[in-house]
Amino acid sequence: MTRQLVFAPEARADLRRLFAYIAEDAGAARAAAFLQRVETYCQGLVDFPQRGTMRDDLLPSLRTVGFARRATIAFTVRPDVVRIVRVLYGGRDLRVAFDDE
């Protein structure tokens, strides 16, 4: 069975904010390239979903993994889907991000 990759609306919003933040400092091309790398990395979770650290304290079956020493990708895994829940940049506090939801 092949898993599907799905980005939650909150993760898509995180990516839009991240694009704007990077583009402001480094330009749209760099921002787009970074987001492409994030999305490519997320696609790799489909084949190797057991990466990262379990964070059941925040959400049942939640895992987190660091990306490029600047972002944290929070995701859940089911037999048929890897769901990217959040993409937090620059040391944002996961607990605060999940408490806000």
PDB file of N, CA and C in Angstrom:
ATOM      1  N   MET A   1       0.842  -1.185   0.000  1.00  0.00           N
ATOM      2  CA  MET A   1       0.000   0.000   0.000  1.00  0.00           C
ATOM      3  C   MET A   1       0.885   1.245   0.000  1.00  0.00           C
ATOM      4  N   THR A   2       0.562   2.186  -0.827  1.00  0.00           N
ATOM      5  CA  THR A   2       1.299   3.431  -0.917  1.00  0.00           C
ATOM      6  C   THR A   2       0.610   4.486  -0.055  1.00  0.00           C
ATOM      7  N   ARG A   3       1.402   5.147   0.776  1.00  0.00           N
ATOM      8  CA  ARG A   3       0.852   6.228   1.586  1.00  0.00           C
ATOM      9  C   ARG A   3       0.733   7.499   0.748  1.00  0.00           C
ATOM     10  N   GLN A   4      -0.186   8.333   1.147  1.00  0.00           N
ATOM     11  CA  GLN A   4      -0.399   9.627   0.521  1.00  0.00           C
ATOM     12  C   GLN A   4       0.147  10.701   1.465  1.00  0.00           C
ATOM     13  N   LEU A   5       0.689  11.767   0.918  1.00  0.00           N
ATOM     14  CA  LEU A   5       1.147  12.903   1.708  1.00  0.00           C
ATOM     15  C   LEU A   5       0.081  13.982   1.662  1.00  0.00           C
ATOM     16  N   VAL A   6      -0.312  14.469   2.846  1.00  0.00           N
ATOM     17  CA  VAL A   6      -1.336  15.496   2.955  1.00  0.00           C
ATOM     18  C   VAL A   6      -0.817  16.596   3.876  1.00  0.00           C
ATOM     19  N   PHE A   7      -1.003  17.841   3.474  1.00  0.00           N
ATOM     20  CA  PHE A   7      -0.668  18.977   4.317  1.00  0.00           C
ATOM     21  C   PHE A   7      -1.951  19.528   4.925  1.00  0.00           C
ATOM     22  N   ALA A   8      -1.998  19.603   6.248  1.00  0.00           N
ATOM     23  CA  ALA A   8      -3.146  20.201   6.932  1.00  0.00           C
ATOM     24  C   ALA A   8      -3.224  21.686   6.582  1.00  0.00           C
ATOM     25  N   PRO A   9      -4.395  22.292   6.684  1.00  0.00           N
ATOM     26  CA  PRO A   9      -4.513  23.725   6.402  1.00  0.00           C
ATOM     27  C   PRO A   9      -3.545  24.575   7.236  1.00  0.00           C
ATOM     28  N   GLU A  10      -3.321  24.182   8.484  1.00  0.00           N
ATOM     29  CA  GLU A  10      -2.390  24.924   9.342  1.00  0.00           C
ATOM     30  C   GLU A  10      -0.966  24.839   8.804  1.00  0.00           C
ATOM     31  N   ALA A  11      -0.587  23.682   8.289  1.00  0.00           N
ATOM     32  CA  ALA A  11       0.752  23.520   7.709  1.00  0.00           C
ATOM     33  C   ALA A  11       0.894  24.354   6.439  1.00  0.00           C
ATOM     34  N   ARG A  12      -0.138  24.389   5.615  1.00  0.00           N
ATOM     35  CA  ARG A  12      -0.111  25.220   4.401  1.00  0.00           C
ATOM     36  C   ARG A  12       0.029  26.697   4.780  1.00  0.00           C
ATOM     37  N   ALA A  13      -0.688  27.112   5.829  1.00  0.00           N
ATOM     38  CA  ALA A  13      -0.577  28.497   6.295  1.00  0.00           C
ATOM     39  C   ALA A  13       0.834  28.770   6.816  1.00  0.00           C
ATOM     40  N   ASP A  14       1.406  27.806   7.533  1.00  0.00           N
ATOM     41  CA  ASP A  14       2.794  27.949   8.004  1.00  0.00           C
ATOM     42  C   ASP A  14       3.736  28.148   6.824  1.00  0.00           C
ATOM     43  N   LEU A  15       3.557  27.372   5.761  1.00  0.00           N
ATOM     44  CA  LEU A  15       4.422  27.483   4.589  1.00  0.00           C
ATOM     45  C   LEU A  15       4.264  28.839   3.897  1.00  0.00           C
ATOM     46  N   ARG A  16       3.053  29.345   3.835  1.00  0.00           N
ATOM     47  CA  ARG A  16       2.838  30.674   3.236  1.00  0.00           C
ATOM     48  C   ARG A  16       3.540  31.754   4.066  1.00  0.00           C
ATOM     49  N   ARG A  17       3.422  31.670   5.389  1.00  0.00           N
ATOM     50  CA  ARG A  17       4.095  32.645   6.258  1.00  0.00           C
ATOM     51  C   ARG A  17       5.614  32.519   6.127  1.00  0.00           C
ATOM     52  N   LEU A  18       6.088  31.295   6.050  1.00  0.00           N
ATOM     53  CA  LEU A  18       7.521  31.054   5.912  1.00  0.00           C
ATOM     54  C   LEU A  18       8.044  31.635   4.593  1.00  0.00           C
ATOM     55  N   PHE A  19       7.290  31.436   3.528  1.00  0.00           N
ATOM     56  CA  PHE A  19       7.676  32.007   2.234  1.00  0.00           C
ATOM     57  C   PHE A  19       7.807  33.528   2.340  1.00  0.00           C
ATOM     58  N   ALA A  20       6.809  34.172   2.906  1.00  0.00           N
ATOM     59  CA  ALA A  20       6.821  35.633   3.032  1.00  0.00           C
ATOM     60  C   ALA A  20       8.006  36.100   3.868  1.00  0.00           C
ATOM     61  N   TYR A  21       8.282  35.398   4.950  1.00  0.00           N
ATOM     62  CA  TYR A  21       9.382  35.766   5.837  1.00  0.00           C
ATOM     63  C   TYR A  21      10.733  35.668   5.120  1.00  0.00           C
ATOM     64  N   ILE A  22      10.964  34.561   4.447  1.00  0.00           N
ATOM     65  CA  ILE A  22      12.240  34.375   3.747  1.00  0.00           C
ATOM     66  C   ILE A  22      12.346  35.325   2.564  1.00  0.00           C
ATOM     67  N   ALA A  23      11.265  35.479   1.826  1.00  0.00           N
ATOM     68  CA  ALA A  23      11.277  36.348   0.643  1.00  0.00           C
ATOM     69  C   ALA A  23      11.602  37.787   1.012  1.00  0.00           C
ATOM     70  N   GLU A  24      11.127  38.226   2.159  1.00  0.00           N
ATOM     71  CA  GLU A  24      11.391  39.597   2.589  1.00  0.00           C
ATOM     72  C   GLU A  24      12.888  39.842   2.771  1.00  0.00           C
ATOM     73  N   ASP A  25      13.594  38.873   3.323  1.00  0.00           N
ATOM     74  CA  ASP A  25      15.029  39.031   3.576  1.00  0.00           C
ATOM     75  C   ASP A  25      15.915  38.581   2.423  1.00  0.00           C
ATOM     76  N   ALA A  26      15.517  37.490   1.759  1.00  0.00           N
ATOM     77  CA  ALA A  26      16.429  36.865   0.789  1.00  0.00           C
ATOM     78  C   ALA A  26      15.883  36.797  -0.622  1.00  0.00           C
ATOM     79  N   GLY A  27      14.647  37.209  -0.833  1.00  0.00           N
ATOM     80  CA  GLY A  27      14.063  37.187  -2.164  1.00  0.00           C
ATOM     81  C   GLY A  27      13.172  35.984  -2.404  1.00  0.00           C
ATOM     82  N   ALA A  28      12.291  36.143  -3.355  1.00  0.00           N
ATOM     83  CA  ALA A  28      11.290  35.111  -3.654  1.00  0.00           C
ATOM     84  C   ALA A  28      11.918  33.824  -4.165  1.00  0.00           C
ATOM     85  N   ALA A  29      12.976  33.928  -4.949  1.00  0.00           N
ATOM     86  CA  ALA A  29      13.609  32.717  -5.498  1.00  0.00           C
ATOM     87  C   ALA A  29      14.171  31.845  -4.372  1.00  0.00           C
ATOM     88  N   ARG A  30      14.835  32.462  -3.418  1.00  0.00           N
ATOM     89  CA  ARG A  30      15.383  31.692  -2.290  1.00  0.00           C
ATOM     90  C   ARG A  30      14.271  31.097  -1.441  1.00  0.00           C
ATOM     91  N   ALA A  31      13.221  31.873  -1.222  1.00  0.00           N
ATOM     92  CA  ALA A  31      12.094  31.382  -0.434  1.00  0.00           C
ATOM     93  C   ALA A  31      11.452  30.175  -1.116  1.00  0.00           C
ATOM     94  N   ALA A  32      11.239  30.278  -2.416  1.00  0.00           N
ATOM     95  CA  ALA A  32      10.645  29.167  -3.164  1.00  0.00           C
ATOM     96  C   ALA A  32      11.539  27.938  -3.127  1.00  0.00           C
ATOM     97  N   ALA A  33      12.844  28.132  -3.242  1.00  0.00           N
ATOM     98  CA  ALA A  33      13.781  27.000  -3.204  1.00  0.00           C
ATOM     99  C   ALA A  33      13.751  26.317  -1.837  1.00  0.00           C
ATOM    100  N   PHE A  34      13.696  27.107  -0.766  1.00  0.00           N
ATOM    101  CA  PHE A  34      13.650  26.516   0.575  1.00  0.00           C
ATOM    102  C   PHE A  34      12.363  25.725   0.761  1.00  0.00           C
ATOM    103  N   LEU A  35      11.242  26.292   0.353  1.00  0.00           N
ATOM    104  CA  LEU A  35       9.972  25.577   0.497  1.00  0.00           C
ATOM    105  C   LEU A  35       9.938  24.309  -0.340  1.00  0.00           C
ATOM    106  N   GLN A  36      10.566  24.326  -1.500  1.00  0.00           N
ATOM    107  CA  GLN A  36      10.638  23.118  -2.323  1.00  0.00           C
ATOM    108  C   GLN A  36      11.421  22.034  -1.582  1.00  0.00           C
ATOM    109  N   ARG A  37      12.503  22.430  -0.920  1.00  0.00           N
ATOM    110  CA  ARG A  37      13.284  21.467  -0.133  1.00  0.00           C
ATOM    111  C   ARG A  37      12.459  20.902   1.016  1.00  0.00           C
ATOM    112  N   VAL A  38      11.671  21.752   1.675  1.00  0.00           N
ATOM    113  CA  VAL A  38      10.800  21.290   2.763  1.00  0.00           C
ATOM    114  C   VAL A  38       9.806  20.269   2.223  1.00  0.00           C
ATOM    115  N   GLU A  39       9.168  20.596   1.121  1.00  0.00           N
ATOM    116  CA  GLU A  39       8.153  19.699   0.567  1.00  0.00           C
ATOM    117  C   GLU A  39       8.769  18.387   0.072  1.00  0.00           C
ATOM    118  N   THR A  40       9.965  18.443  -0.491  1.00  0.00           N
ATOM    119  CA  THR A  40      10.651  17.223  -0.918  1.00  0.00           C
ATOM    120  C   THR A  40      10.978  16.351   0.295  1.00  0.00           C
ATOM    121  N   TYR A  41      11.440  16.972   1.369  1.00  0.00           N
ATOM    122  CA  TYR A  41      11.731  16.228   2.593  1.00  0.00           C
ATOM    123  C   TYR A  41      10.455  15.566   3.122  1.00  0.00           C
ATOM    124  N   CYS A  42       9.368  16.318   3.128  1.00  0.00           N
ATOM    125  CA  CYS A  42       8.084  15.771   3.598  1.00  0.00           C
ATOM    126  C   CYS A  42       7.652  14.585   2.747  1.00  0.00           C
ATOM    127  N   GLN A  43       7.872  14.655   1.455  1.00  0.00           N
ATOM    128  CA  GLN A  43       7.526  13.540   0.573  1.00  0.00           C
ATOM    129  C   GLN A  43       8.304  12.283   0.970  1.00  0.00           C
ATOM    130  N   GLY A  44       9.534  12.450   1.429  1.00  0.00           N
ATOM    131  CA  GLY A  44      10.330  11.313   1.887  1.00  0.00           C
ATOM    132  C   GLY A  44       9.752  10.635   3.119  1.00  0.00           C
ATOM    133  N   LEU A  45       8.926  11.351   3.883  1.00  0.00           N
ATOM    134  CA  LEU A  45       8.289  10.746   5.057  1.00  0.00           C
ATOM    135  C   LEU A  45       7.280   9.670   4.659  1.00  0.00           C
ATOM    136  N   VAL A  46       6.810   9.716   3.441  1.00  0.00           N
ATOM    137  CA  VAL A  46       5.867   8.708   2.953  1.00  0.00           C
ATOM    138  C   VAL A  46       6.526   7.330   2.974  1.00  0.00           C
ATOM    139  N   ASP A  47       7.798   7.264   2.567  1.00  0.00           N
ATOM    140  CA  ASP A  47       8.506   5.987   2.527  1.00  0.00           C
ATOM    141  C   ASP A  47       9.163   5.631   3.851  1.00  0.00           C
ATOM    142  N   PHE A  48       9.548   6.632   4.626  1.00  0.00           N
ATOM    143  CA  PHE A  48      10.241   6.404   5.902  1.00  0.00           C
ATOM    144  C   PHE A  48       9.572   7.230   6.998  1.00  0.00           C
ATOM    145  N   PRO A  49       8.364   6.841   7.414  1.00  0.00           N
ATOM    146  CA  PRO A  49       7.578   7.672   8.324  1.00  0.00           C
ATOM    147  C   PRO A  49       7.967   7.579   9.801  1.00  0.00           C
ATOM    148  N   GLN A  50       8.825   6.670  10.150  1.00  0.00           N
ATOM    149  CA  GLN A  50       9.139   6.495  11.566  1.00  0.00           C
ATOM    150  C   GLN A  50      10.277   7.400  12.034  1.00  0.00           C
ATOM    151  N   ARG A  51      10.597   8.426  11.278  1.00  0.00           N
ATOM    152  CA  ARG A  51      11.630   9.382  11.662  1.00  0.00           C
ATOM    153  C   ARG A  51      11.132  10.262  12.794  1.00  0.00           C
ATOM    154  N   GLY A  52      12.063  10.936  13.413  1.00  0.00           N
ATOM    155  CA  GLY A  52      11.699  11.970  14.369  1.00  0.00           C
ATOM    156  C   GLY A  52      11.417  11.457  15.765  1.00  0.00           C
ATOM    157  N   THR A  53      10.839  12.335  16.538  1.00  0.00           N
ATOM    158  CA  THR A  53      10.560  12.106  17.949  1.00  0.00           C
ATOM    159  C   THR A  53       9.057  12.068  18.176  1.00  0.00           C
ATOM    160  N   MET A  54       8.605  11.088  18.933  1.00  0.00           N
ATOM    161  CA  MET A  54       7.182  11.020  19.280  1.00  0.00           C
ATOM    162  C   MET A  54       6.842  12.171  20.223  1.00  0.00           C
ATOM    163  N   ARG A  55       5.702  12.819  19.978  1.00  0.00           N
ATOM    164  CA  ARG A  55       5.237  13.927  20.818  1.00  0.00           C
ATOM    165  C   ARG A  55       3.770  13.730  21.169  1.00  0.00           C
ATOM    166  N   ASP A  56       3.473  12.575  21.764  1.00  0.00           N
ATOM    167  CA  ASP A  56       2.104  12.292  22.192  1.00  0.00           C
ATOM    168  C   ASP A  56       1.596  13.308  23.216  1.00  0.00           C
ATOM    169  N   ASP A  57       2.522  14.009  23.877  1.00  0.00           N
ATOM    170  CA  ASP A  57       2.122  15.024  24.852  1.00  0.00           C
ATOM    171  C   ASP A  57       1.399  16.194  24.193  1.00  0.00           C
ATOM    172  N   LEU A  58       1.617  16.386  22.911  1.00  0.00           N
ATOM    173  CA  LEU A  58       0.972  17.473  22.180  1.00  0.00           C
ATOM    174  C   LEU A  58      -0.256  17.020  21.409  1.00  0.00           C
ATOM    175  N   LEU A  59      -0.161  15.836  20.836  1.00  0.00           N
ATOM    176  CA  LEU A  59      -1.242  15.285  20.015  1.00  0.00           C
ATOM    177  C   LEU A  59      -0.983  13.794  19.864  1.00  0.00           C
ATOM    178  N   PRO A  60      -1.998  12.957  20.025  1.00  0.00           N
ATOM    179  CA  PRO A  60      -1.763  11.514  19.879  1.00  0.00           C
ATOM    180  C   PRO A  60      -1.137  11.177  18.520  1.00  0.00           C
ATOM    181  N   SER A  61      -0.096  10.380  18.567  1.00  0.00           N
ATOM    182  CA  SER A  61       0.659   9.877  17.407  1.00  0.00           C
ATOM    183  C   SER A  61       1.433  10.952  16.650  1.00  0.00           C
ATOM    184  N   LEU A  62       1.622  12.117  17.267  1.00  0.00           N
ATOM    185  CA  LEU A  62       2.387  13.184  16.622  1.00  0.00           C
ATOM    186  C   LEU A  62       3.877  12.865  16.674  1.00  0.00           C
ATOM    187  N   ARG A  63       4.561  13.137  15.577  1.00  0.00           N
ATOM    188  CA  ARG A  63       6.018  13.039  15.497  1.00  0.00           C
ATOM    189  C   ARG A  63       6.549  14.387  15.060  1.00  0.00           C
ATOM    190  N   THR A  64       7.776  14.701  15.481  1.00  0.00           N
ATOM    191  CA  THR A  64       8.425  15.919  15.012  1.00  0.00           C
ATOM    192  C   THR A  64       9.821  15.570  14.522  1.00  0.00           C
ATOM    193  N   VAL A  65      10.251  16.332  13.534  1.00  0.00           N
ATOM    194  CA  VAL A  65      11.592  16.158  12.993  1.00  0.00           C
ATOM    195  C   VAL A  65      12.124  17.537  12.605  1.00  0.00           C
ATOM    196  N   GLY A  66      13.402  17.749  12.873  1.00  0.00           N
ATOM    197  CA  GLY A  66      14.025  19.003  12.490  1.00  0.00           C
ATOM    198  C   GLY A  66      14.395  18.989  11.018  1.00  0.00           C
ATOM    199  N   PHE A  67      14.383  20.172  10.432  1.00  0.00           N
ATOM    200  CA  PHE A  67      14.766  20.312   9.029  1.00  0.00           C
ATOM    201  C   PHE A  67      15.689  21.511   8.883  1.00  0.00           C
ATOM    202  N   ALA A  68      16.858  21.295   8.322  1.00  0.00           N
ATOM    203  CA  ALA A  68      17.828  22.348   8.001  1.00  0.00           C
ATOM    204  C   ALA A  68      18.176  23.219   9.208  1.00  0.00           C
ATOM    205  N   ARG A  69      18.121  22.657  10.386  1.00  0.00           N
ATOM    206  CA  ARG A  69      18.449  23.339  11.640  1.00  0.00           C
ATOM    207  C   ARG A  69      17.656  24.615  11.865  1.00  0.00           C
ATOM    208  N   ARG A  70      16.592  24.809  11.102  1.00  0.00           N
ATOM    209  CA  ARG A  70      15.793  26.028  11.238  1.00  0.00           C
ATOM    210  C   ARG A  70      14.295  25.776  11.331  1.00  0.00           C
ATOM    211  N   ALA A  71      13.856  24.612  10.953  1.00  0.00           N
ATOM    212  CA  ALA A  71      12.420  24.337  10.935  1.00  0.00           C
ATOM    213  C   ALA A  71      12.129  23.036  11.674  1.00  0.00           C
ATOM    214  N   THR A  72      10.926  22.959  12.193  1.00  0.00           N
ATOM    215  CA  THR A  72      10.422  21.732  12.802  1.00  0.00           C
ATOM    216  C   THR A  72       9.176  21.324  12.045  1.00  0.00           C
ATOM    217  N   ILE A  73       9.167  20.081  11.585  1.00  0.00           N
ATOM    218  CA  ILE A  73       8.018  19.535  10.868  1.00  0.00           C
ATOM    219  C   ILE A  73       7.300  18.599  11.822  1.00  0.00           C
ATOM    220  N   ALA A  74       6.015  18.864  12.050  1.00  0.00           N
ATOM    221  CA  ALA A  74       5.188  18.034  12.921  1.00  0.00           C
ATOM    222  C   ALA A  74       4.224  17.256  12.032  1.00  0.00           C
ATOM    223  N   PHE A  75       4.154  15.936  12.250  1.00  0.00           N
ATOM    224  CA  PHE A  75       3.344  15.104  11.369  1.00  0.00           C
ATOM    225  C   PHE A  75       2.783  13.889  12.100  1.00  0.00           C
ATOM    226  N   THR A  76       1.752  13.310  11.517  1.00  0.00           N
ATOM    227  CA  THR A  76       1.184  12.059  12.002  1.00  0.00           C
ATOM    228  C   THR A  76       1.246  11.029  10.882  1.00  0.00           C
ATOM    229  N   VAL A  77       1.245   9.771  11.291  1.00  0.00           N
ATOM    230  CA  VAL A  77       1.341   8.674  10.324  1.00  0.00           C
ATOM    231  C   VAL A  77       0.192   7.708  10.553  1.00  0.00           C
ATOM    232  N   ARG A  78      -0.468   7.388   9.481  1.00  0.00           N
ATOM    233  CA  ARG A  78      -1.479   6.326   9.465  1.00  0.00           C
ATOM    234  C   ARG A  78      -1.075   5.363   8.365  1.00  0.00           C
ATOM    235  N   PRO A  79      -1.692   4.187   8.318  1.00  0.00           N
ATOM    236  CA  PRO A  79      -1.287   3.228   7.285  1.00  0.00           C
ATOM    237  C   PRO A  79      -1.381   3.773   5.863  1.00  0.00           C
ATOM    238  N   ASP A  80      -2.313   4.688   5.610  1.00  0.00           N
ATOM    239  CA  ASP A  80      -2.523   5.167   4.248  1.00  0.00           C
ATOM    240  C   ASP A  80      -2.131   6.623   4.019  1.00  0.00           C
ATOM    241  N   VAL A  81      -1.738   7.351   5.086  1.00  0.00           N
ATOM    242  CA  VAL A  81      -1.460   8.778   4.919  1.00  0.00           C
ATOM    243  C   VAL A  81      -0.432   9.280   5.930  1.00  0.00           C
ATOM    244  N   VAL A  82       0.436  10.144   5.437  1.00  0.00           N
ATOM    245  CA  VAL A  82       1.305  10.948   6.294  1.00  0.00           C
ATOM    246  C   VAL A  82       0.736  12.353   6.215  1.00  0.00           C
ATOM    247  N   ARG A  83       0.360  12.885   7.370  1.00  0.00           N
ATOM    248  CA  ARG A  83      -0.282  14.206   7.413  1.00  0.00           C
ATOM    249  C   ARG A  83       0.674  15.191   8.074  1.00  0.00           C
ATOM    250  N   ILE A  84       1.091  16.189   7.321  1.00  0.00           N
ATOM    251  CA  ILE A  84       1.929  17.246   7.863  1.00  0.00           C
ATOM    252  C   ILE A  84       0.999  18.202   8.598  1.00  0.00           C
ATOM    253  N   VAL A  85       1.200  18.300   9.903  1.00  0.00           N
ATOM    254  CA  VAL A  85       0.301  19.072  10.749  1.00  0.00           C
ATOM    255  C   VAL A  85       0.753  20.526  10.857  1.00  0.00           C
ATOM    256  N   ARG A  86       2.049  20.739  11.071  1.00  0.00           N
ATOM    257  CA  ARG A  86       2.606  22.081  11.181  1.00  0.00           C
ATOM    258  C   ARG A  86       4.022  22.089  10.632  1.00  0.00           C
ATOM    259  N   VAL A  87       4.476  23.252  10.170  1.00  0.00           N
ATOM    260  CA  VAL A  87       5.867  23.490   9.787  1.00  0.00           C
ATOM    261  C   VAL A  87       6.255  24.792  10.481  1.00  0.00           C
ATOM    262  N   LEU A  88       7.034  24.658  11.551  1.00  0.00           N
ATOM    263  CA  LEU A  88       7.385  25.818  12.372  1.00  0.00           C
ATOM    264  C   LEU A  88       8.834  26.201  12.127  1.00  0.00           C
ATOM    265  N   TYR A  89       9.070  27.493  12.027  1.00  0.00           N
ATOM    266  CA  TYR A  89      10.384  28.000  11.639  1.00  0.00           C
ATOM    267  C   TYR A  89      10.988  28.840  12.756  1.00  0.00           C
ATOM    268  N   GLY A  90      12.294  28.790  12.836  1.00  0.00           N
ATOM    269  CA  GLY A  90      13.021  29.694  13.713  1.00  0.00           C
ATOM    270  C   GLY A  90      12.813  29.472  15.192  1.00  0.00           C
ATOM    271  N   GLY A  91      12.677  28.233  15.604  1.00  0.00           N
ATOM    272  CA  GLY A  91      12.584  27.939  17.021  1.00  0.00           C
ATOM    273  C   GLY A  91      11.238  28.222  17.656  1.00  0.00           C
ATOM    274  N   ARG A  92      10.189  28.340  16.850  1.00  0.00           N
ATOM    275  CA  ARG A  92       8.852  28.536  17.434  1.00  0.00           C
ATOM    276  C   ARG A  92       8.531  27.383  18.358  1.00  0.00           C
ATOM    277  N   ASP A  93       7.883  27.677  19.436  1.00  0.00           N
ATOM    278  CA  ASP A  93       7.557  26.699  20.469  1.00  0.00           C
ATOM    279  C   ASP A  93       6.386  25.823  20.020  1.00  0.00           C
ATOM    280  N   LEU A  94       6.640  24.533  19.926  1.00  0.00           N
ATOM    281  CA  LEU A  94       5.583  23.604  19.508  1.00  0.00           C
ATOM    282  C   LEU A  94       4.404  23.617  20.464  1.00  0.00           C
ATOM    283  N   ARG A  95       4.699  23.630  21.750  1.00  0.00           N
ATOM    284  CA  ARG A  95       3.613  23.590  22.738  1.00  0.00           C
ATOM    285  C   ARG A  95       2.693  24.786  22.556  1.00  0.00           C
ATOM    286  N   VAL A  96       3.260  25.954  22.345  1.00  0.00           N
ATOM    287  CA  VAL A  96       2.456  27.160  22.129  1.00  0.00           C
ATOM    288  C   VAL A  96       1.655  27.029  20.828  1.00  0.00           C
ATOM    289  N   ALA A  97       2.289  26.531  19.779  1.00  0.00           N
ATOM    290  CA  ALA A  97       1.593  26.371  18.495  1.00  0.00           C
ATOM    291  C   ALA A  97       0.410  25.432  18.621  1.00  0.00           C
ATOM    292  N   PHE A  98       0.549  24.347  19.386  1.00  0.00           N
ATOM    293  CA  PHE A  98      -0.553  23.398  19.525  1.00  0.00           C
ATOM    294  C   PHE A  98      -1.575  23.866  20.548  1.00  0.00           C
ATOM    295  N   ASP A  99      -1.169  24.661  21.530  1.00  0.00           N
ATOM    296  CA  ASP A  99      -2.125  25.221  22.474  1.00  0.00           C
ATOM    297  C   ASP A  99      -3.015  26.247  21.803  1.00  0.00           C
ATOM    298  N   ASP A 100      -2.494  26.930  20.770  1.00  0.00           N
ATOM    299  CA  ASP A 100      -3.273  27.937  20.048  1.00  0.00           C
ATOM    300  C   ASP A 100      -4.389  27.329  19.218  1.00  0.00           C
ATOM    301  N   GLU A 101      -4.301  26.022  18.947  1.00  0.00           N
ATOM    302  CA  GLU A 101      -5.284  25.396  18.046  1.00  0.00           C
ATOM    303  C   GLU A 101      -6.523  24.978  18.785  1.00  0.00           C
TER     304      GLU A 101
END
